[in-house]
Amino acid sequence: MVLILVAACGWVVYQYDYAIREQRVTVTGAAQPLHGVLALPPRGTGPFGLVVFVHGDGPVDATHDTFYRPIWEALAQAGFASLSWDKPGINGAPGNWLDQSMDDRARETAAAIAWARTQPEIDPDRIGLWGASQAGWVMPKVAAADPRLRFMIAVSPAINWLRQGRYNLLAELAKSGASPDEVDAAKARSDENLHYLRTDASYADARSAGVADGMSPDRWRFARRNLASDASADLAKVHVPVLLMLGGHDVNVDVVDTEAGYRHNLPDPGLLQIANYPGATHSMVPVDLEDSTVESTLVAVFAPRSLFAPGVLQAQRDFVASQSPRR
């Protein structure tokens, strides 16, 4: 029994011993200092290429509760460092992420890139973006404005904020087995919420009218601020290679709409590489694993690299490895 316990403990230690060197950094130049993590390849002094991580929705810390580390390790195998930071207001970082618009987030990301270009370990001409979900409204703005960026990895992004919200509502209802009457009622509530958001109503007015149920005042203002987000115009100005990663069991984003949007809007079809994972969810996790709390917890503890659908980590590693400096 002792040997089994020792072996189990050793296996867990091995699984969390990622082949990266993490440094806590303070990124300056944004609206407020960003509390970040710079994950370097395990050996060498660089300068390394860099992947700047742009979070999706929610109160995300720099490592996304360690979820990013297997990705950082895969990118490090291709000779790339990774930079990520706590969202404003998370882990003691200044600010409040719910006060941000997508333009604010783009400016924050651009400031992080400018900071990274001053770091001796980083090759300023091999910097690209990685972003998931809500980052799909941020990264194209940054890429369109920065001709020095080299690439973009877009994981489960959406094109239009309102279409994404309605798709997510209906997909969640379908997954839960809602009746037609329940679907109609949910759509009516959503439409009423949308009416008040579009009229720029205050949170107090919305609550008085019986809408905004389950939303905090900050969340209401965040939704109102970002309601018109659409990536189409920004994507039309993107001239770097793009890896678009989509899961066949995504209930958050309509991947058919997203793929069509990227194919239609990117000015050069040759720049787009699409990786479809039929068995994966919005998070690029196998659907059977994500649907089982017990199994996903065990995998997260004992084999975190296996959280991702087969091929996901390798696709990202291979994509960044193919990016070379501009001459």
C-alpha atoms as a PDB file:
ATOM      1  CA  MET A   1       0.000   0.000   0.000  1.00  0.00           C
ATOM      2  CA  VAL A   2       2.836   2.395   0.850  1.00  0.00           C
ATOM      3  CA  LEU A   3       4.451   1.715  -2.523  1.00  0.00           C
ATOM      4  CA  ILE A   4       1.154   2.378  -4.282  1.00  0.00           C
ATOM      5  CA  LEU A   5       0.724   5.679  -2.449  1.00  0.00           C
ATOM      6  CA  VAL A   6       4.294   6.726  -3.219  1.00  0.00           C
ATOM      7  CA  ALA A   7       3.832   5.830  -6.877  1.00  0.00           C
ATOM      8  CA  ALA A   8       0.544   7.737  -7.031  1.00  0.00           C
ATOM      9  CA  CYS A   9       2.081  10.803  -5.434  1.00  0.00           C
ATOM     10  CA  GLY A  10       5.032  10.590  -7.792  1.00  0.00           C
ATOM     11  CA  TRP A  11       2.703  10.402 -10.780  1.00  0.00           C
ATOM     12  CA  VAL A  12       0.794  13.503  -9.652  1.00  0.00           C
ATOM     13  CA  VAL A  13       4.050  15.411  -9.140  1.00  0.00           C
ATOM     14  CA  TYR A  14       5.183  14.370 -12.621  1.00  0.00           C
ATOM     15  CA  GLN A  15       1.913  15.477 -14.188  1.00  0.00           C
ATOM     16  CA  TYR A  16       2.263  18.940 -12.658  1.00  0.00           C
ATOM     17  CA  ASP A  17       5.955  19.269 -13.471  1.00  0.00           C
ATOM     18  CA  TYR A  18       5.516  21.211 -16.692  1.00  0.00           C
ATOM     19  CA  ALA A  19       8.510  21.801 -18.944  1.00  0.00           C
ATOM     20  CA  ILE A  20       8.303  25.586 -18.642  1.00  0.00           C
ATOM     21  CA  ARG A  21       9.887  28.288 -16.503  1.00  0.00           C
ATOM     22  CA  GLU A  22       7.257  30.573 -15.009  1.00  0.00           C
ATOM     23  CA  GLN A  23       8.042  34.115 -13.916  1.00  0.00           C
ATOM     24  CA  ARG A  24       5.632  36.489 -12.209  1.00  0.00           C
ATOM     25  CA  VAL A  25       5.801  39.810 -14.027  1.00  0.00           C
ATOM     26  CA  THR A  26       4.173  43.219 -13.837  1.00  0.00           C
ATOM     27  CA  VAL A  27       3.094  44.413 -17.277  1.00  0.00           C
ATOM     28  CA  THR A  28       3.077  48.184 -17.533  1.00  0.00           C
ATOM     29  CA  GLY A  29       1.570  50.523 -20.090  1.00  0.00           C
ATOM     30  CA  ALA A  30      -2.095  49.497 -19.828  1.00  0.00           C
ATOM     31  CA  ALA A  31      -4.823  51.446 -18.005  1.00  0.00           C
ATOM     32  CA  GLN A  32      -3.510  49.819 -14.835  1.00  0.00           C
ATOM     33  CA  PRO A  33      -0.566  47.489 -14.143  1.00  0.00           C
ATOM     34  CA  LEU A  34      -1.271  43.896 -15.153  1.00  0.00           C
ATOM     35  CA  HIS A  35      -0.254  41.061 -12.837  1.00  0.00           C
ATOM     36  CA  GLY A  36       1.106  38.496 -15.254  1.00  0.00           C
ATOM     37  CA  VAL A  37       2.909  35.226 -15.784  1.00  0.00           C
ATOM     38  CA  LEU A  38       5.628  34.814 -18.404  1.00  0.00           C
ATOM     39  CA  ALA A  39       6.135  31.120 -19.176  1.00  0.00           C
ATOM     40  CA  LEU A  40       9.453  30.517 -20.925  1.00  0.00           C
ATOM     41  CA  PRO A  41      10.775  27.345 -22.560  1.00  0.00           C
ATOM     42  CA  PRO A  42      12.724  25.225 -20.050  1.00  0.00           C
ATOM     43  CA  ARG A  43      16.148  25.946 -21.511  1.00  0.00           C
ATOM     44  CA  GLY A  44      17.918  28.765 -23.299  1.00  0.00           C
ATOM     45  CA  THR A  45      18.013  32.518 -23.014  1.00  0.00           C
ATOM     46  CA  GLY A  46      16.108  33.382 -26.171  1.00  0.00           C
ATOM     47  CA  PRO A  47      15.035  35.558 -27.642  1.00  0.00           C
ATOM     48  CA  PHE A  48      11.942  33.385 -27.885  1.00  0.00           C
ATOM     49  CA  GLY A  49       8.816  33.837 -29.906  1.00  0.00           C
ATOM     50  CA  LEU A  50       5.846  34.776 -27.735  1.00  0.00           C
ATOM     51  CA  VAL A  51       2.167  33.874 -27.584  1.00  0.00           C
ATOM     52  CA  VAL A  52       0.053  36.488 -25.776  1.00  0.00           C
ATOM     53  CA  PHE A  53      -3.027  34.952 -24.149  1.00  0.00           C
ATOM     54  CA  VAL A  54      -6.380  36.743 -24.311  1.00  0.00           C
ATOM     55  CA  HIS A  55      -8.969  35.324 -21.916  1.00  0.00           C
ATOM     56  CA  GLY A  56     -12.567  34.486 -22.567  1.00  0.00           C
ATOM     57  CA  ASP A  57     -15.421  35.635 -20.343  1.00  0.00           C
ATOM     58  CA  GLY A  58     -15.413  35.462 -16.567  1.00  0.00           C
ATOM     59  CA  PRO A  59     -13.093  36.178 -13.613  1.00  0.00           C
ATOM     60  CA  VAL A  60     -10.027  34.447 -15.056  1.00  0.00           C
ATOM     61  CA  ASP A  61      -6.591  34.428 -13.448  1.00  0.00           C
ATOM     62  CA  ALA A  62      -3.297  34.273 -15.336  1.00  0.00           C
ATOM     63  CA  THR A  63      -3.148  30.457 -15.469  1.00  0.00           C
ATOM     64  CA  HIS A  64      -6.912  29.979 -15.869  1.00  0.00           C
ATOM     65  CA  ASP A  65      -6.788  27.832 -12.721  1.00  0.00           C
ATOM     66  CA  THR A  66      -3.827  25.915 -14.266  1.00  0.00           C
ATOM     67  CA  PHE A  67      -5.846  25.071 -17.441  1.00  0.00           C
ATOM     68  CA  TYR A  68      -3.369  27.014 -19.601  1.00  0.00           C
ATOM     69  CA  ARG A  69      -0.236  25.237 -18.427  1.00  0.00           C
ATOM     70  CA  PRO A  70      -0.465  22.214 -20.766  1.00  0.00           C
ATOM     71  CA  ILE A  71      -0.910  24.685 -23.647  1.00  0.00           C
ATOM     72  CA  TRP A  72       2.098  26.731 -22.485  1.00  0.00           C
ATOM     73  CA  GLU A  73       4.142  23.541 -22.360  1.00  0.00           C
ATOM     74  CA  ALA A  74       3.116  22.597 -25.892  1.00  0.00           C
ATOM     75  CA  LEU A  75       4.027  26.071 -27.163  1.00  0.00           C
ATOM     76  CA  ALA A  76       7.352  25.908 -25.303  1.00  0.00           C
ATOM     77  CA  GLN A  77       8.128  22.696 -27.194  1.00  0.00           C
ATOM     78  CA  ALA A  78       7.944  24.829 -30.337  1.00  0.00           C
ATOM     79  CA  GLY A  79      10.333  27.364 -28.802  1.00  0.00           C
ATOM     80  CA  PHE A  80       7.697  29.917 -27.803  1.00  0.00           C
ATOM     81  CA  ALA A  81       7.104  31.666 -24.510  1.00  0.00           C
ATOM     82  CA  SER A  82       3.585  32.530 -23.297  1.00  0.00           C
ATOM     83  CA  LEU A  83       2.325  35.664 -21.547  1.00  0.00           C
ATOM     84  CA  SER A  84      -0.912  35.836 -19.597  1.00  0.00           C
ATOM     85  CA  TRP A  85      -2.265  37.998 -16.785  1.00  0.00           C
ATOM     86  CA  ASP A  86      -4.918  38.133 -14.101  1.00  0.00           C
ATOM     87  CA  LYS A  87      -7.976  39.990 -15.298  1.00  0.00           C
ATOM     88  CA  PRO A  88      -8.456  43.372 -13.588  1.00  0.00           C
ATOM     89  CA  GLY A  89      -9.839  42.761 -10.110  1.00  0.00           C
ATOM     90  CA  ILE A  90      -8.706  39.121  -9.949  1.00  0.00           C
ATOM     91  CA  ASN A  91      -6.075  37.961  -7.425  1.00  0.00           C
ATOM     92  CA  GLY A  92      -5.656  41.509  -6.159  1.00  0.00           C
ATOM     93  CA  ALA A  93      -5.019  43.012  -9.594  1.00  0.00           C
ATOM     94  CA  PRO A  94      -6.252  46.621  -9.842  1.00  0.00           C
ATOM     95  CA  GLY A  95      -9.446  47.446 -11.699  1.00  0.00           C
ATOM     96  CA  ASN A  96     -12.609  45.528 -12.534  1.00  0.00           C
ATOM     97  CA  TRP A  97     -12.832  43.366 -15.648  1.00  0.00           C
ATOM     98  CA  LEU A  98     -16.586  43.999 -15.859  1.00  0.00           C
ATOM     99  CA  ASP A  99     -15.842  47.684 -16.476  1.00  0.00           C
ATOM    100  CA  GLN A 100     -14.132  46.813 -19.755  1.00  0.00           C
ATOM    101  CA  SER A 101     -15.407  47.058 -23.297  1.00  0.00           C
ATOM    102  CA  MET A 102     -13.931  44.908 -26.050  1.00  0.00           C
ATOM    103  CA  ASP A 103     -12.033  48.022 -27.186  1.00  0.00           C
ATOM    104  CA  ASP A 104     -10.645  48.364 -23.651  1.00  0.00           C
ATOM    105  CA  ARG A 105      -9.519  44.758 -23.736  1.00  0.00           C
ATOM    106  CA  ALA A 106      -7.872  45.296 -27.127  1.00  0.00           C
ATOM    107  CA  ARG A 107      -5.961  48.308 -25.791  1.00  0.00           C
ATOM    108  CA  GLU A 108      -4.888  46.253 -22.773  1.00  0.00           C
ATOM    109  CA  THR A 109      -3.622  43.469 -25.046  1.00  0.00           C
ATOM    110  CA  ALA A 110      -1.773  45.948 -27.284  1.00  0.00           C
ATOM    111  CA  ALA A 111      -0.089  47.421 -24.205  1.00  0.00           C
ATOM    112  CA  ALA A 112       1.016  43.937 -23.110  1.00  0.00           C
ATOM    113  CA  ILE A 113       2.504  43.312 -26.554  1.00  0.00           C
ATOM    114  CA  ALA A 114       4.357  46.643 -26.432  1.00  0.00           C
ATOM    115  CA  TRP A 115       5.745  45.710 -23.013  1.00  0.00           C
ATOM    116  CA  ALA A 116       6.782  42.263 -24.235  1.00  0.00           C
ATOM    117  CA  ARG A 117       8.723  43.772 -27.127  1.00  0.00           C
ATOM    118  CA  THR A 118      10.995  45.472 -24.604  1.00  0.00           C
ATOM    119  CA  GLN A 119      11.884  42.239 -22.808  1.00  0.00           C
ATOM    120  CA  PRO A 120      15.283  40.732 -23.630  1.00  0.00           C
ATOM    121  CA  GLU A 121      13.949  37.169 -23.624  1.00  0.00           C
ATOM    122  CA  ILE A 122      11.375  37.930 -26.350  1.00  0.00           C
ATOM    123  CA  ASP A 123      11.821  38.209 -30.103  1.00  0.00           C
ATOM    124  CA  PRO A 124       9.742  41.315 -30.939  1.00  0.00           C
ATOM    125  CA  ASP A 125       9.071  40.059 -34.476  1.00  0.00           C
ATOM    126  CA  ARG A 126       7.677  36.653 -33.458  1.00  0.00           C
ATOM    127  CA  ILE A 127       4.694  37.588 -31.335  1.00  0.00           C
ATOM    128  CA  GLY A 128       1.224  36.182 -31.888  1.00  0.00           C
ATOM    129  CA  LEU A 129      -2.097  35.925 -30.100  1.00  0.00           C
ATOM    130  CA  TRP A 130      -3.997  33.066 -28.494  1.00  0.00           C
ATOM    131  CA  GLY A 131      -7.554  33.662 -27.373  1.00  0.00           C
ATOM    132  CA  ALA A 132     -10.712  31.767 -26.516  1.00  0.00           C
ATOM    133  CA  SER A 133     -14.406  32.550 -26.774  1.00  0.00           C
ATOM    134  CA  GLN A 134     -14.928  36.245 -25.918  1.00  0.00           C
ATOM    135  CA  ALA A 135     -11.371  36.915 -27.090  1.00  0.00           C
ATOM    136  CA  GLY A 136     -12.809  36.531 -30.584  1.00  0.00           C
ATOM    137  CA  TRP A 137     -14.009  40.138 -30.310  1.00  0.00           C
ATOM    138  CA  VAL A 138     -10.631  41.322 -28.999  1.00  0.00           C
ATOM    139  CA  MET A 139      -7.889  39.653 -31.032  1.00  0.00           C
ATOM    140  CA  PRO A 140      -9.023  40.806 -34.498  1.00  0.00           C
ATOM    141  CA  LYS A 141      -8.943  44.419 -33.268  1.00  0.00           C
ATOM    142  CA  VAL A 142      -5.367  43.974 -32.083  1.00  0.00           C
ATOM    143  CA  ALA A 143      -4.209  42.064 -35.158  1.00  0.00           C
ATOM    144  CA  ALA A 144      -5.807  44.597 -37.501  1.00  0.00           C
ATOM    145  CA  ALA A 145      -3.975  47.473 -35.805  1.00  0.00           C
ATOM    146  CA  ASP A 146      -0.531  45.870 -35.366  1.00  0.00           C
ATOM    147  CA  PRO A 147       1.284  44.965 -38.622  1.00  0.00           C
ATOM    148  CA  ARG A 148       4.127  43.366 -36.676  1.00  0.00           C
ATOM    149  CA  LEU A 149       1.976  40.576 -35.222  1.00  0.00           C
ATOM    150  CA  ARG A 150       2.727  37.179 -36.716  1.00  0.00           C
ATOM    151  CA  PHE A 151      -0.336  34.970 -36.118  1.00  0.00           C
ATOM    152  CA  MET A 152      -3.570  34.381 -34.260  1.00  0.00           C
ATOM    153  CA  ILE A 153      -4.972  31.228 -32.620  1.00  0.00           C
ATOM    154  CA  ALA A 154      -8.735  31.585 -32.155  1.00  0.00           C
ATOM    155  CA  VAL A 155     -10.339  28.930 -29.946  1.00  0.00           C
ATOM    156  CA  SER A 156     -14.152  28.764 -30.102  1.00  0.00           C
ATOM    157  CA  PRO A 157     -14.737  32.446 -30.958  1.00  0.00           C
ATOM    158  CA  ALA A 158     -18.047  33.931 -32.040  1.00  0.00           C
ATOM    159  CA  ILE A 159     -18.737  36.525 -34.710  1.00  0.00           C
ATOM    160  CA  ASN A 160     -21.733  38.477 -33.404  1.00  0.00           C
ATOM    161  CA  TRP A 161     -22.562  39.058 -29.710  1.00  0.00           C
ATOM    162  CA  LEU A 162     -26.332  38.897 -30.116  1.00  0.00           C
ATOM    163  CA  ARG A 163     -26.363  35.840 -32.378  1.00  0.00           C
ATOM    164  CA  GLN A 164     -24.023  34.080 -29.970  1.00  0.00           C
ATOM    165  CA  GLY A 165     -26.280  34.852 -27.024  1.00  0.00           C
ATOM    166  CA  ARG A 166     -29.397  33.504 -28.745  1.00  0.00           C
ATOM    167  CA  TYR A 167     -27.573  30.400 -29.963  1.00  0.00           C
ATOM    168  CA  ASN A 168     -26.270  29.689 -26.469  1.00  0.00           C
ATOM    169  CA  LEU A 169     -29.736  30.135 -24.953  1.00  0.00           C
ATOM    170  CA  LEU A 170     -31.367  27.714 -27.378  1.00  0.00           C
ATOM    171  CA  ALA A 171     -28.523  25.189 -27.225  1.00  0.00           C
ATOM    172  CA  GLU A 172     -28.629  25.080 -23.425  1.00  0.00           C
ATOM    173  CA  LEU A 173     -32.399  24.657 -23.489  1.00  0.00           C
ATOM    174  CA  ALA A 174     -32.133  21.833 -26.007  1.00  0.00           C
ATOM    175  CA  LYS A 175     -29.452  20.113 -23.951  1.00  0.00           C
ATOM    176  CA  SER A 176     -31.635  20.270 -20.846  1.00  0.00           C
ATOM    177  CA  GLY A 177     -34.654  18.852 -22.696  1.00  0.00           C
ATOM    178  CA  ALA A 178     -36.806  21.975 -22.309  1.00  0.00           C
ATOM    179  CA  SER A 179     -40.362  21.796 -23.615  1.00  0.00           C
ATOM    180  CA  PRO A 180     -41.570  24.074 -26.449  1.00  0.00           C
ATOM    181  CA  ASP A 181     -43.434  26.218 -23.904  1.00  0.00           C
ATOM    182  CA  GLU A 182     -40.295  26.566 -21.790  1.00  0.00           C
ATOM    183  CA  VAL A 183     -38.299  27.560 -24.869  1.00  0.00           C
ATOM    184  CA  ASP A 184     -40.868  30.199 -25.836  1.00  0.00           C
ATOM    185  CA  ALA A 185     -40.878  31.616 -22.306  1.00  0.00           C
ATOM    186  CA  ALA A 186     -37.075  31.767 -22.194  1.00  0.00           C
ATOM    187  CA  LYS A 187     -36.926  33.509 -25.570  1.00  0.00           C
ATOM    188  CA  ALA A 188     -39.501  36.054 -24.410  1.00  0.00           C
ATOM    189  CA  ARG A 189     -37.472  36.822 -21.264  1.00  0.00           C
ATOM    190  CA  SER A 190     -34.320  37.150 -23.331  1.00  0.00           C
ATOM    191  CA  ASP A 191     -36.027  39.513 -25.767  1.00  0.00           C
ATOM    192  CA  GLU A 192     -37.280  41.671 -22.909  1.00  0.00           C
ATOM    193  CA  ASN A 193     -33.779  41.838 -21.423  1.00  0.00           C
ATOM    194  CA  LEU A 194     -32.433  42.799 -24.830  1.00  0.00           C
ATOM    195  CA  HIS A 195     -35.005  45.560 -25.208  1.00  0.00           C
ATOM    196  CA  TYR A 196     -33.890  47.209 -21.978  1.00  0.00           C
ATOM    197  CA  LEU A 197     -30.207  46.759 -22.820  1.00  0.00           C
ATOM    198  CA  ARG A 198     -30.709  48.396 -26.202  1.00  0.00           C
ATOM    199  CA  THR A 199     -32.503  51.378 -24.672  1.00  0.00           C
ATOM    200  CA  ASP A 200     -29.493  51.908 -22.375  1.00  0.00           C
ATOM    201  CA  ALA A 201     -31.682  51.383 -19.315  1.00  0.00           C
ATOM    202  CA  SER A 202     -30.038  51.468 -15.912  1.00  0.00           C
ATOM    203  CA  TYR A 203     -29.830  48.331 -13.826  1.00  0.00           C
ATOM    204  CA  ALA A 204     -32.349  49.803 -11.366  1.00  0.00           C
ATOM    205  CA  ASP A 205     -34.830  50.474 -14.175  1.00  0.00           C
ATOM    206  CA  ALA A 206     -34.344  46.978 -15.544  1.00  0.00           C
ATOM    207  CA  ARG A 207     -34.927  45.368 -12.164  1.00  0.00           C
ATOM    208  CA  SER A 208     -38.027  47.523 -11.609  1.00  0.00           C
ATOM    209  CA  ALA A 209     -39.355  46.151 -14.884  1.00  0.00           C
ATOM    210  CA  GLY A 210     -38.671  42.594 -13.755  1.00  0.00           C
ATOM    211  CA  VAL A 211     -35.739  41.933 -16.087  1.00  0.00           C
ATOM    212  CA  ALA A 212     -31.988  41.418 -15.545  1.00  0.00           C
ATOM    213  CA  ASP A 213     -32.817  38.487 -13.284  1.00  0.00           C
ATOM    214  CA  GLY A 214     -29.655  36.815 -12.029  1.00  0.00           C
ATOM    215  CA  MET A 215     -27.396  39.630 -13.248  1.00  0.00           C
ATOM    216  CA  SER A 216     -25.375  41.879 -10.986  1.00  0.00           C
ATOM    217  CA  PRO A 217     -25.275  45.632 -11.661  1.00  0.00           C
ATOM    218  CA  ASP A 218     -21.718  45.259 -13.004  1.00  0.00           C
ATOM    219  CA  ARG A 219     -22.737  42.408 -15.288  1.00  0.00           C
ATOM    220  CA  TRP A 220     -25.685  44.411 -16.622  1.00  0.00           C
ATOM    221  CA  ARG A 221     -23.428  47.335 -17.472  1.00  0.00           C
ATOM    222  CA  PHE A 222     -20.893  44.963 -19.055  1.00  0.00           C
ATOM    223  CA  ALA A 223     -23.558  43.473 -21.317  1.00  0.00           C
ATOM    224  CA  ARG A 224     -24.913  46.917 -22.213  1.00  0.00           C
ATOM    225  CA  ARG A 225     -21.406  48.163 -23.031  1.00  0.00           C
ATOM    226  CA  ASN A 226     -20.584  45.236 -25.339  1.00  0.00           C
ATOM    227  CA  LEU A 227     -23.943  44.427 -26.882  1.00  0.00           C
ATOM    228  CA  ALA A 228     -23.029  45.591 -30.388  1.00  0.00           C
ATOM    229  CA  SER A 229     -19.805  43.581 -30.613  1.00  0.00           C
ATOM    230  CA  ASP A 230     -19.224  41.976 -34.002  1.00  0.00           C
ATOM    231  CA  ALA A 231     -15.880  40.698 -35.273  1.00  0.00           C
ATOM    232  CA  SER A 232     -16.649  40.939 -39.002  1.00  0.00           C
ATOM    233  CA  ALA A 233     -15.165  44.374 -39.776  1.00  0.00           C
ATOM    234  CA  ASP A 234     -12.016  43.719 -37.758  1.00  0.00           C
ATOM    235  CA  LEU A 235     -11.491  40.285 -39.316  1.00  0.00           C
ATOM    236  CA  ALA A 236     -11.574  41.956 -42.736  1.00  0.00           C
ATOM    237  CA  LYS A 237      -8.407  43.842 -41.729  1.00  0.00           C
ATOM    238  CA  VAL A 238      -6.469  40.824 -40.445  1.00  0.00           C
ATOM    239  CA  HIS A 239      -3.497  39.848 -42.621  1.00  0.00           C
ATOM    240  CA  VAL A 240      -1.777  37.191 -40.504  1.00  0.00           C
ATOM    241  CA  PRO A 241      -2.110  33.392 -40.418  1.00  0.00           C
ATOM    242  CA  VAL A 242      -5.071  32.279 -38.301  1.00  0.00           C
ATOM    243  CA  LEU A 243      -5.643  28.896 -36.682  1.00  0.00           C
ATOM    244  CA  LEU A 244      -9.370  28.562 -35.979  1.00  0.00           C
ATOM    245  CA  MET A 245     -10.192  25.751 -33.529  1.00  0.00           C
ATOM    246  CA  LEU A 246     -13.803  24.577 -33.255  1.00  0.00           C
ATOM    247  CA  GLY A 247     -15.557  21.869 -31.239  1.00  0.00           C
ATOM    248  CA  GLY A 248     -18.493  19.846 -32.516  1.00  0.00           C
ATOM    249  CA  HIS A 249     -20.272  19.916 -29.128  1.00  0.00           C
ATOM    250  CA  ASP A 250     -20.011  23.668 -28.502  1.00  0.00           C
ATOM    251  CA  VAL A 251     -23.211  24.911 -26.821  1.00  0.00           C
ATOM    252  CA  ASN A 252     -21.756  28.389 -26.271  1.00  0.00           C
ATOM    253  CA  VAL A 253     -20.897  29.306 -29.851  1.00  0.00           C
ATOM    254  CA  ASP A 254     -22.460  28.364 -33.182  1.00  0.00           C
ATOM    255  CA  VAL A 255     -19.356  26.931 -34.844  1.00  0.00           C
ATOM    256  CA  VAL A 256     -21.067  26.836 -38.257  1.00  0.00           C
ATOM    257  CA  ASP A 257     -21.683  30.586 -38.057  1.00  0.00           C
ATOM    258  CA  THR A 258     -18.130  31.177 -36.819  1.00  0.00           C
ATOM    259  CA  GLU A 259     -16.488  29.155 -39.574  1.00  0.00           C
ATOM    260  CA  ALA A 260     -18.594  30.908 -42.210  1.00  0.00           C
ATOM    261  CA  GLY A 261     -17.708  34.294 -40.724  1.00  0.00           C
ATOM    262  CA  TYR A 262     -13.982  33.626 -40.762  1.00  0.00           C
ATOM    263  CA  ARG A 263     -14.080  32.227 -44.301  1.00  0.00           C
ATOM    264  CA  HIS A 264     -16.102  35.194 -45.557  1.00  0.00           C
ATOM    265  CA  ASN A 265     -14.370  38.047 -43.736  1.00  0.00           C
ATOM    266  CA  LEU A 266     -10.655  37.228 -43.725  1.00  0.00           C
ATOM    267  CA  PRO A 267      -9.227  38.966 -46.804  1.00  0.00           C
ATOM    268  CA  ASP A 268      -6.866  36.131 -47.741  1.00  0.00           C
ATOM    269  CA  PRO A 269      -8.366  32.596 -47.587  1.00  0.00           C
ATOM    270  CA  GLY A 270      -4.865  31.160 -47.679  1.00  0.00           C
ATOM    271  CA  LEU A 271      -4.172  32.575 -44.223  1.00  0.00           C
ATOM    272  CA  LEU A 272      -6.923  30.499 -42.575  1.00  0.00           C
ATOM    273  CA  GLN A 273      -6.315  27.056 -41.114  1.00  0.00           C
ATOM    274  CA  ILE A 274      -9.358  25.377 -39.553  1.00  0.00           C
ATOM    275  CA  ALA A 275      -9.093  22.561 -37.019  1.00  0.00           C
ATOM    276  CA  ASN A 276     -12.421  20.890 -36.254  1.00  0.00           C
ATOM    277  CA  TYR A 277     -12.766  18.534 -33.289  1.00  0.00           C
ATOM    278  CA  PRO A 278     -16.148  16.760 -33.581  1.00  0.00           C
ATOM    279  CA  GLY A 279     -15.970  15.286 -30.082  1.00  0.00           C
ATOM    280  CA  ALA A 280     -14.886  18.483 -28.296  1.00  0.00           C
ATOM    281  CA  THR A 281     -16.775  21.134 -26.371  1.00  0.00           C
ATOM    282  CA  HIS A 282     -16.352  24.909 -26.227  1.00  0.00           C
ATOM    283  CA  SER A 283     -13.251  24.414 -24.038  1.00  0.00           C
ATOM    284  CA  MET A 284     -11.670  21.869 -26.413  1.00  0.00           C
ATOM    285  CA  VAL A 285     -12.397  19.157 -23.837  1.00  0.00           C
ATOM    286  CA  PRO A 286     -13.926  15.810 -24.915  1.00  0.00           C
ATOM    287  CA  VAL A 287     -17.692  16.050 -24.406  1.00  0.00           C
ATOM    288  CA  ASP A 288     -17.920  12.826 -22.372  1.00  0.00           C
ATOM    289  CA  LEU A 289     -15.237  14.125 -20.035  1.00  0.00           C
ATOM    290  CA  GLU A 290     -16.802  17.558 -19.592  1.00  0.00           C
ATOM    291  CA  ASP A 291     -20.223  16.027 -18.896  1.00  0.00           C
ATOM    292  CA  SER A 292     -18.844  13.954 -16.006  1.00  0.00           C
ATOM    293  CA  THR A 293     -17.855  16.026 -12.987  1.00  0.00           C
ATOM    294  CA  VAL A 294     -16.168  13.067 -11.309  1.00  0.00           C
ATOM    295  CA  GLU A 295     -14.179  12.009 -14.375  1.00  0.00           C
ATOM    296  CA  SER A 296     -13.143  15.538 -15.319  1.00  0.00           C
ATOM    297  CA  THR A 297     -11.986  16.207 -11.758  1.00  0.00           C
ATOM    298  CA  LEU A 298      -9.912  13.016 -11.688  1.00  0.00           C
ATOM    299  CA  VAL A 299      -8.323  13.802 -15.050  1.00  0.00           C
ATOM    300  CA  ALA A 300      -7.618  17.398 -13.971  1.00  0.00           C
ATOM    301  CA  VAL A 301      -5.813  16.101 -10.865  1.00  0.00           C
ATOM    302  CA  PHE A 302      -4.015  13.039 -12.232  1.00  0.00           C
ATOM    303  CA  ALA A 303      -3.551  13.738 -15.968  1.00  0.00           C
ATOM    304  CA  PRO A 304      -4.207  17.422 -16.760  1.00  0.00           C
ATOM    305  CA  ARG A 305      -2.662  17.192 -20.226  1.00  0.00           C
ATOM    306  CA  SER A 306      -5.416  14.707 -21.093  1.00  0.00           C
ATOM    307  CA  LEU A 307      -8.136  17.277 -20.428  1.00  0.00           C
ATOM    308  CA  PHE A 308      -7.867  18.391 -24.033  1.00  0.00           C
ATOM    309  CA  ALA A 309      -9.345  16.550 -26.997  1.00  0.00           C
ATOM    310  CA  PRO A 310      -6.808  14.455 -28.936  1.00  0.00           C
ATOM    311  CA  GLY A 311      -4.744  16.595 -31.267  1.00  0.00           C
ATOM    312  CA  VAL A 312      -5.581  19.970 -29.721  1.00  0.00           C
ATOM    313  CA  LEU A 313      -2.220  20.593 -28.066  1.00  0.00           C
ATOM    314  CA  GLN A 314      -0.246  19.249 -31.021  1.00  0.00           C
ATOM    315  CA  ALA A 315      -2.141  21.440 -33.504  1.00  0.00           C
ATOM    316  CA  GLN A 316      -1.229  24.565 -31.547  1.00  0.00           C
ATOM    317  CA  ARG A 317       2.383  23.492 -31.169  1.00  0.00           C
ATOM    318  CA  ASP A 318       2.724  22.733 -34.880  1.00  0.00           C
ATOM    319  CA  PHE A 319       1.026  25.967 -35.913  1.00  0.00           C
ATOM    320  CA  VAL A 320       3.318  28.258 -33.925  1.00  0.00           C
ATOM    321  CA  ALA A 321       6.382  26.231 -34.911  1.00  0.00           C
ATOM    322  CA  SER A 322       5.581  27.043 -38.542  1.00  0.00           C
ATOM    323  CA  GLN A 323       5.716  30.797 -37.898  1.00  0.00           C
ATOM    324  CA  SER A 324       9.073  32.358 -38.731  1.00  0.00           C
ATOM    325  CA  PRO A 325      10.250  35.955 -38.377  1.00  0.00           C
ATOM    326  CA  ARG A 326       9.465  38.384 -41.177  1.00  0.00           C
ATOM    327  CA  ARG A 327      12.507  39.274 -43.239  1.00  0.00           C
END
